[in-house]
Amino acid sequence: MLTSTNKYITLKTYVSLLTGVLSYVVLIIIGVDYAFLWAFLIFLFNYIPYIGSLIATVLPAIFAILTVWNRSGHFMGVCFC
């Protein structure tokens, strides 16, 4: 029992770490402020079953949209000036 739990935690940590690193790279490319903080939160939220991955996806996405929108006044090619 302990071995299977240990394997699960180890695998979950690796997957969460990979997700956090890839998220960091994407957030940096997009130009989102506080990319490291968001990537760290994504890493942590991935430990919460079901809802954690949803929160880890939705919150940074909303923040990224608002950040890009505030910088350029454009979102998806539409000007909201």
N, C-alpha and C. Protein backbone atom coordinates (compact mmCIF):
# COMPACT_ATOMS: atom_id res chain seq x y z
N MET A 1 0.83 -1.20 0.00
CA MET A 1 0.00 0.00 0.00
C MET A 1 0.87 1.26 0.00
N LEU A 2 1.88 1.28 0.83
CA LEU A 2 2.75 2.45 0.92
C LEU A 2 3.52 2.67 -0.38
N THR A 3 3.91 1.57 -1.03
CA THR A 3 4.65 1.68 -2.27
C THR A 3 3.79 2.29 -3.38
N SER A 4 2.55 1.87 -3.48
CA SER A 4 1.68 2.42 -4.52
C SER A 4 1.35 3.89 -4.26
N THR A 5 1.18 4.26 -3.01
CA THR A 5 0.94 5.66 -2.67
C THR A 5 2.16 6.51 -2.99
N ASN A 6 3.33 5.98 -2.67
CA ASN A 6 4.58 6.69 -2.96
C ASN A 6 4.77 6.88 -4.47
N LYS A 7 4.44 5.85 -5.25
CA LYS A 7 4.55 5.96 -6.71
C LYS A 7 3.56 7.00 -7.25
N TYR A 8 2.35 7.02 -6.68
CA TYR A 8 1.35 7.99 -7.12
C TYR A 8 1.81 9.42 -6.85
N ILE A 9 2.30 9.66 -5.66
CA ILE A 9 2.76 11.01 -5.29
C ILE A 9 3.95 11.42 -6.17
N THR A 10 4.86 10.50 -6.41
CA THR A 10 6.02 10.79 -7.25
C THR A 10 5.59 11.13 -8.67
N LEU A 11 4.73 10.30 -9.24
CA LEU A 11 4.25 10.55 -10.61
C LEU A 11 3.47 11.86 -10.68
N LYS A 12 2.62 12.11 -9.69
CA LYS A 12 1.83 13.35 -9.66
C LYS A 12 2.75 14.57 -9.58
N THR A 13 3.84 14.46 -8.82
CA THR A 13 4.80 15.55 -8.71
C THR A 13 5.49 15.81 -10.04
N TYR A 14 5.90 14.75 -10.73
CA TYR A 14 6.56 14.92 -12.02
C TYR A 14 5.61 15.55 -13.05
N VAL A 15 4.39 15.06 -13.10
CA VAL A 15 3.42 15.61 -14.04
C VAL A 15 3.11 17.07 -13.72
N SER A 16 2.94 17.38 -12.44
CA SER A 16 2.67 18.76 -12.03
C SER A 16 3.86 19.67 -12.33
N LEU A 17 5.06 19.17 -12.13
CA LEU A 17 6.26 19.95 -12.42
C LEU A 17 6.37 20.22 -13.92
N LEU A 18 6.13 19.22 -14.73
CA LEU A 18 6.17 19.40 -16.18
C LEU A 18 5.09 20.40 -16.63
N THR A 19 3.91 20.28 -16.06
CA THR A 19 2.83 21.20 -16.39
C THR A 19 3.19 22.63 -15.99
N GLY A 20 3.78 22.79 -14.81
CA GLY A 20 4.18 24.12 -14.35
C GLY A 20 5.26 24.73 -15.22
N VAL A 21 6.24 23.94 -15.61
CA VAL A 21 7.34 24.45 -16.45
C VAL A 21 6.82 24.85 -17.83
N LEU A 22 6.00 23.99 -18.44
CA LEU A 22 5.44 24.31 -19.75
C LEU A 22 4.52 25.53 -19.67
N SER A 23 3.76 25.63 -18.60
CA SER A 23 2.91 26.80 -18.42
C SER A 23 3.73 28.07 -18.29
N TYR A 24 4.84 27.98 -17.56
CA TYR A 24 5.72 29.12 -17.40
C TYR A 24 6.25 29.60 -18.76
N VAL A 25 6.68 28.66 -19.57
CA VAL A 25 7.22 29.01 -20.89
C VAL A 25 6.14 29.68 -21.74
N VAL A 26 4.94 29.13 -21.74
CA VAL A 26 3.85 29.71 -22.53
C VAL A 26 3.47 31.09 -22.00
N LEU A 27 3.40 31.25 -20.69
CA LEU A 27 3.04 32.54 -20.11
C LEU A 27 4.10 33.60 -20.40
N ILE A 28 5.37 33.20 -20.41
CA ILE A 28 6.45 34.13 -20.76
C ILE A 28 6.33 34.55 -22.23
N ILE A 29 6.06 33.58 -23.10
CA ILE A 29 5.92 33.89 -24.53
C ILE A 29 4.76 34.84 -24.76
N ILE A 30 3.65 34.61 -24.09
CA ILE A 30 2.48 35.48 -24.25
C ILE A 30 2.73 36.85 -23.65
N GLY A 31 3.57 36.91 -22.63
CA GLY A 31 3.88 38.18 -22.00
C GLY A 31 3.04 38.49 -20.77
N VAL A 32 2.61 37.44 -20.07
CA VAL A 32 1.78 37.62 -18.88
C VAL A 32 2.66 38.02 -17.70
N ASP A 33 2.19 39.00 -16.94
CA ASP A 33 2.90 39.40 -15.73
C ASP A 33 2.83 38.28 -14.69
N TYR A 34 3.84 38.21 -13.87
CA TYR A 34 3.91 37.23 -12.77
C TYR A 34 3.82 35.79 -13.28
N ALA A 35 4.50 35.50 -14.36
CA ALA A 35 4.44 34.17 -14.97
C ALA A 35 4.92 33.08 -14.01
N PHE A 36 5.97 33.38 -13.24
CA PHE A 36 6.47 32.36 -12.30
C PHE A 36 5.44 32.06 -11.23
N LEU A 37 4.79 33.08 -10.72
CA LEU A 37 3.75 32.87 -9.70
C LEU A 37 2.61 32.02 -10.24
N TRP A 38 2.16 32.33 -11.44
CA TRP A 38 1.08 31.54 -12.04
C TRP A 38 1.51 30.10 -12.28
N ALA A 39 2.74 29.91 -12.74
CA ALA A 39 3.23 28.55 -12.97
C ALA A 39 3.33 27.78 -11.67
N PHE A 40 3.76 28.44 -10.61
CA PHE A 40 3.83 27.78 -9.30
C PHE A 40 2.44 27.41 -8.79
N LEU A 41 1.48 28.30 -8.97
CA LEU A 41 0.11 28.00 -8.57
C LEU A 41 -0.47 26.84 -9.39
N ILE A 42 -0.14 26.80 -10.67
CA ILE A 42 -0.58 25.68 -11.50
C ILE A 42 0.01 24.38 -10.98
N PHE A 43 1.29 24.41 -10.63
CA PHE A 43 1.94 23.24 -10.05
C PHE A 43 1.21 22.78 -8.78
N LEU A 44 0.88 23.71 -7.90
CA LEU A 44 0.22 23.35 -6.65
C LEU A 44 -1.22 22.87 -6.86
N PHE A 45 -1.97 23.57 -7.71
CA PHE A 45 -3.37 23.22 -7.92
C PHE A 45 -3.54 21.86 -8.57
N ASN A 46 -2.53 21.39 -9.28
CA ASN A 46 -2.63 20.07 -9.92
C ASN A 46 -2.70 18.93 -8.92
N TYR A 47 -2.40 19.18 -7.67
CA TYR A 47 -2.51 18.14 -6.64
C TYR A 47 -3.96 17.95 -6.18
N ILE A 48 -4.81 18.92 -6.43
CA ILE A 48 -6.20 18.83 -6.01
C ILE A 48 -6.97 18.07 -7.09
N PRO A 49 -7.57 16.94 -6.74
CA PRO A 49 -8.28 16.15 -7.75
C PRO A 49 -9.46 16.91 -8.35
N TYR A 50 -9.69 16.69 -9.62
CA TYR A 50 -10.81 17.21 -10.40
C TYR A 50 -10.81 18.73 -10.52
N ILE A 51 -11.11 19.44 -9.47
CA ILE A 51 -11.30 20.88 -9.53
C ILE A 51 -9.97 21.64 -9.62
N GLY A 52 -8.90 21.06 -9.13
CA GLY A 52 -7.60 21.74 -9.13
C GLY A 52 -7.11 22.06 -10.52
N SER A 53 -7.22 21.11 -11.43
CA SER A 53 -6.78 21.35 -12.80
C SER A 53 -7.64 22.39 -13.49
N LEU A 54 -8.92 22.41 -13.17
CA LEU A 54 -9.81 23.42 -13.73
C LEU A 54 -9.43 24.81 -13.25
N ILE A 55 -9.20 24.95 -11.96
CA ILE A 55 -8.80 26.24 -11.40
C ILE A 55 -7.44 26.66 -11.96
N ALA A 56 -6.53 25.71 -12.08
CA ALA A 56 -5.19 25.99 -12.59
C ALA A 56 -5.21 26.41 -14.04
N THR A 57 -6.26 26.10 -14.75
CA THR A 57 -6.38 26.49 -16.15
C THR A 57 -7.14 27.81 -16.30
N VAL A 58 -8.23 27.95 -15.59
CA VAL A 58 -9.11 29.10 -15.78
C VAL A 58 -8.51 30.40 -15.24
N LEU A 59 -7.97 30.39 -14.04
CA LEU A 59 -7.46 31.63 -13.45
C LEU A 59 -6.33 32.27 -14.26
N PRO A 60 -5.28 31.53 -14.62
CA PRO A 60 -4.24 32.17 -15.45
C PRO A 60 -4.74 32.58 -16.83
N ALA A 61 -5.69 31.83 -17.39
CA ALA A 61 -6.22 32.19 -18.70
C ALA A 61 -6.96 33.52 -18.64
N ILE A 62 -7.78 33.70 -17.62
CA ILE A 62 -8.48 34.98 -17.45
C ILE A 62 -7.48 36.11 -17.24
N PHE A 63 -6.49 35.87 -16.40
CA PHE A 63 -5.47 36.90 -16.14
C PHE A 63 -4.70 37.23 -17.41
N ALA A 64 -4.37 36.22 -18.21
CA ALA A 64 -3.65 36.45 -19.47
C ALA A 64 -4.49 37.27 -20.44
N ILE A 65 -5.75 36.95 -20.55
CA ILE A 65 -6.64 37.71 -21.45
C ILE A 65 -6.71 39.17 -21.01
N LEU A 66 -6.90 39.39 -19.72
CA LEU A 66 -6.99 40.76 -19.22
C LEU A 66 -5.68 41.52 -19.37
N THR A 67 -4.56 40.84 -19.17
CA THR A 67 -3.26 41.48 -19.31
C THR A 67 -3.01 41.90 -20.75
N VAL A 68 -3.23 41.00 -21.68
CA VAL A 68 -3.00 41.30 -23.09
C VAL A 68 -3.98 42.37 -23.56
N TRP A 69 -5.21 42.31 -23.10
CA TRP A 69 -6.23 43.27 -23.47
C TRP A 69 -5.87 44.66 -22.96
N ASN A 70 -5.42 44.78 -21.72
CA ASN A 70 -5.06 46.08 -21.15
C ASN A 70 -3.84 46.69 -21.82
N ARG A 71 -2.91 45.87 -22.26
CA ARG A 71 -1.69 46.40 -22.89
C ARG A 71 -1.95 46.94 -24.28
N SER A 72 -2.76 46.26 -25.04
CA SER A 72 -2.90 46.62 -26.45
C SER A 72 -4.23 47.25 -26.80
N GLY A 73 -5.23 47.06 -25.98
CA GLY A 73 -6.55 47.55 -26.32
C GLY A 73 -7.23 46.66 -27.34
N HIS A 74 -6.56 45.59 -27.74
CA HIS A 74 -7.10 44.66 -28.71
C HIS A 74 -7.21 43.27 -28.07
N PHE A 75 -8.24 42.60 -28.43
CA PHE A 75 -8.35 41.21 -28.02
C PHE A 75 -8.90 40.42 -29.20
N MET A 76 -8.13 39.46 -29.65
CA MET A 76 -8.47 38.61 -30.78
C MET A 76 -8.77 39.45 -32.03
N GLY A 77 -7.98 40.51 -32.24
CA GLY A 77 -8.10 41.29 -33.45
C GLY A 77 -9.19 42.37 -33.41
N VAL A 78 -9.90 42.45 -32.31
CA VAL A 78 -10.99 43.45 -32.20
C VAL A 78 -10.51 44.55 -31.28
N CYS A 79 -10.67 45.79 -31.71
CA CYS A 79 -10.25 46.93 -30.90
C CYS A 79 -11.38 47.36 -29.99
N PHE A 80 -11.08 47.45 -28.69
CA PHE A 80 -12.05 47.91 -27.71
C PHE A 80 -11.63 49.27 -27.17
N CYS A 81 -11.13 50.10 -28.05
CA CYS A 81 -10.61 51.41 -27.63
C CYS A 81 -11.73 52.38 -27.35
